[in-house]
Protein backbone atom coordinates (compact mmCIF):
# COMPACT_ATOMS: atom_id res chain seq x y z
CA MET A 1 180.31 85.70 132.78
CA ALA A 2 183.00 87.66 134.59
CA THR A 3 183.62 86.96 138.25
CA ALA A 4 185.24 89.12 140.88
CA GLU A 5 188.83 88.58 141.87
CA PRO A 6 188.98 86.17 144.86
CA ASP A 7 190.49 88.83 147.14
CA ARG A 8 187.95 91.43 145.94
CA PRO A 9 184.48 89.86 146.09
CA GLY A 10 181.62 91.99 144.76
CA PHE A 11 179.92 92.36 148.12
CA LEU A 12 183.01 94.08 149.54
CA LEU A 13 182.63 97.25 147.46
CA PRO A 14 179.34 98.43 149.00
CA LEU A 15 180.63 97.50 152.46
CA LEU A 16 183.78 99.58 151.96
CA LEU A 17 181.76 102.51 150.59
CA LEU A 18 179.42 102.28 153.58
CA ALA A 19 182.38 102.06 155.97
CA GLY A 20 183.92 105.17 154.39
CA PHE A 21 180.60 107.00 154.64
CA ARG A 22 180.14 105.85 158.23
CA THR A 23 183.66 106.95 159.15
CA LEU A 24 183.06 110.43 157.74
CA ILE A 25 179.67 110.75 159.44
CA ASP A 26 180.93 109.45 162.80
CA ASP A 27 183.93 111.81 162.68
CA LEU A 28 181.62 114.70 161.71
CA HIS A 29 179.31 114.10 164.65
CA ALA A 30 182.16 113.69 167.11
CA GLU A 31 183.51 117.09 166.03
CA LEU A 32 180.04 118.70 166.03
CA ALA A 33 179.60 117.47 169.61
CA ARG A 34 182.89 119.14 170.55
CA GLN A 35 181.67 122.35 168.88
CA GLY A 36 178.42 122.56 170.82
CA HIS A 37 176.07 120.31 168.86
CA PRO A 38 176.15 117.00 170.79
CA GLU A 39 172.50 116.21 170.07
CA LEU A 40 172.72 116.32 166.25
CA ARG A 41 172.31 112.93 164.59
CA PRO A 42 172.91 111.88 160.97
CA LEU A 43 169.19 112.01 160.15
CA HIS A 44 169.03 115.57 161.42
CA GLY A 45 171.39 116.76 158.69
CA PHE A 46 169.09 115.39 156.00
CA VAL A 47 166.12 117.07 157.68
CA LEU A 48 167.86 120.43 158.02
CA GLN A 49 168.89 120.30 154.36
CA ALA A 50 165.35 119.32 153.31
CA VAL A 51 163.84 122.21 155.28
CA GLY A 52 165.96 124.56 153.18
CA ALA A 53 166.51 128.29 153.46
CA ASP A 54 162.84 129.22 152.96
CA GLY A 55 161.27 126.60 155.20
CA THR A 56 158.70 124.00 154.30
CA THR A 57 155.62 122.25 155.63
CA ALA A 58 155.65 118.87 157.36
CA THR A 59 153.88 117.34 154.35
CA GLU A 60 156.46 118.73 151.91
CA LEU A 61 159.26 117.68 154.23
CA GLY A 62 157.96 114.10 154.31
CA GLN A 63 157.84 114.06 150.50
CA ARG A 64 161.38 115.41 150.21
CA LEU A 65 162.69 112.81 152.68
CA GLY A 66 160.62 109.92 151.32
CA VAL A 67 158.90 109.36 154.67
CA SER A 68 155.35 109.81 155.93
CA LYS A 69 154.05 113.17 157.13
CA GLN A 70 153.82 111.60 160.60
CA ALA A 71 157.46 110.45 160.56
CA ALA A 72 158.56 113.88 159.37
CA GLY A 73 156.43 115.49 162.06
CA LYS A 74 158.03 113.40 164.81
CA THR A 75 161.50 114.37 163.64
CA VAL A 76 160.47 118.02 163.42
CA ASP A 77 159.09 117.82 166.97
CA ARG A 78 162.44 116.50 168.17
CA LEU A 79 164.43 119.18 166.32
CA VAL A 80 162.08 121.91 167.62
CA ALA A 81 162.64 120.61 171.17
CA LEU A 82 166.41 120.70 170.58
CA GLY A 83 166.25 124.26 169.20
CA TYR A 84 167.25 123.45 165.60
CA LEU A 85 163.86 124.09 163.98
CA GLU A 86 160.85 126.27 164.67
CA ARG A 87 157.28 126.28 163.47
CA SER A 88 155.69 129.50 162.29
CA ASP A 89 152.66 130.70 160.37
CA ASP A 90 153.08 130.81 156.60
CA PRO A 91 152.77 134.49 155.61
CA ARG A 92 151.29 133.42 152.26
CA ASP A 93 148.68 131.03 153.67
CA ALA A 94 147.38 131.31 157.24
CA ARG A 95 146.19 127.68 157.15
CA ARG A 96 149.74 126.36 156.78
CA LYS A 97 152.51 126.05 159.31
CA LEU A 98 156.08 126.42 158.09
CA VAL A 99 159.05 124.63 159.55
CA ARG A 100 162.20 126.74 159.50
CA ALA A 101 165.76 126.38 160.71
CA THR A 102 166.63 128.47 163.75
CA PRO A 103 169.95 130.29 164.09
CA HIS A 104 171.14 127.26 166.09
CA GLY A 105 170.11 124.97 163.22
CA LEU A 106 171.86 127.17 160.67
CA ASP A 107 174.96 127.15 162.87
CA GLY A 108 174.90 123.36 162.87
CA LEU A 109 174.70 123.32 159.07
CA ARG A 110 177.55 125.83 158.71
CA ARG A 111 179.74 123.89 161.10
CA SER A 112 178.92 120.62 159.30
CA ALA A 113 180.12 122.07 156.00
CA ALA A 114 183.36 123.29 157.59
CA VAL A 115 183.98 119.95 159.31
CA PHE A 116 183.39 118.06 156.07
CA ASP A 117 186.04 120.25 154.44
CA GLN A 118 188.44 119.37 157.27
CA LEU A 119 187.64 115.66 156.94
CA ARG A 120 188.27 115.78 153.21
CA GLN A 121 191.63 117.42 153.92
CA ARG A 122 192.43 114.66 156.41
CA TRP A 123 191.66 112.02 153.78
CA ALA A 124 193.84 113.94 151.30
CA ALA A 125 196.69 113.98 153.83
CA THR A 126 196.39 110.20 154.24
CA LEU A 127 195.70 109.14 150.64
CA GLY A 128 197.08 112.10 148.73
CA PRO A 129 195.05 114.90 147.18
CA ASP A 130 195.20 113.35 143.70
CA ARG A 131 193.80 110.03 144.94
CA VAL A 132 190.95 111.72 146.79
CA ALA A 133 190.13 113.79 143.70
CA ALA A 134 190.30 110.63 141.55
CA LEU A 135 188.01 108.81 144.01
CA GLU A 136 185.50 111.65 143.79
CA ASP A 137 185.74 111.68 139.97
CA ASP A 138 185.30 107.90 139.80
CA LEU A 139 182.28 107.98 142.09
CA ARG A 140 180.73 110.75 139.95
CA ALA A 141 181.22 108.54 136.89
CA VAL A 142 179.22 105.65 138.39
CA THR A 143 176.52 107.52 140.30
CA PRO A 144 173.44 109.37 139.04
CA ALA A 145 173.64 113.08 138.30
CA ASP A 146 171.21 113.93 141.12
CA LEU A 147 173.99 113.35 143.61
CA PHE A 148 172.33 114.87 146.65
CA ARG A 149 169.11 113.03 147.27
CA LEU A 150 167.26 113.90 150.42
CA ASP A 151 165.09 110.78 150.39
CA VAL A 152 167.85 108.62 151.89
CA PRO A 153 166.00 108.20 155.21
CA GLY A 154 162.97 106.83 153.38
CA TRP A 155 165.16 104.70 151.13
CA PHE A 156 166.93 103.13 154.11
CA GLY A 157 163.71 102.53 155.99
CA GLY A 158 161.37 101.83 153.07
CA SER A 159 159.68 98.54 152.49
């Protein structure tokens, strides 16, 4: 049975990956706050992505996020209060309410994408563009093909 090198124990890899993720997310939210979105939180990005361009229902949103309809509804309530989402009647089914991103919500998503590009460039300036590209390639080689999974909130909080 192979063992990890003493200076590179196995438990360190997920901690370093989490620290890298946390650094990117913290830097993103600091910049979003400077750009007029101080109330956005990491969970909100998953919710805005899960709502999508066409909107969704609270039930569908809960399924996409891997959380209960009630948990999704509470988050939607918060994002409606903050002006990132709105509820409207579904034009295809009057019994359903759709949740949609507002222009403010779409602005937050657009700014997030631009900031992530800037953060990647900052990492490339520190590590070198080839090393960042190699890191991305290596992570693609060891992760599932369905890279962007929206159920992370449910996965983190699941029992």
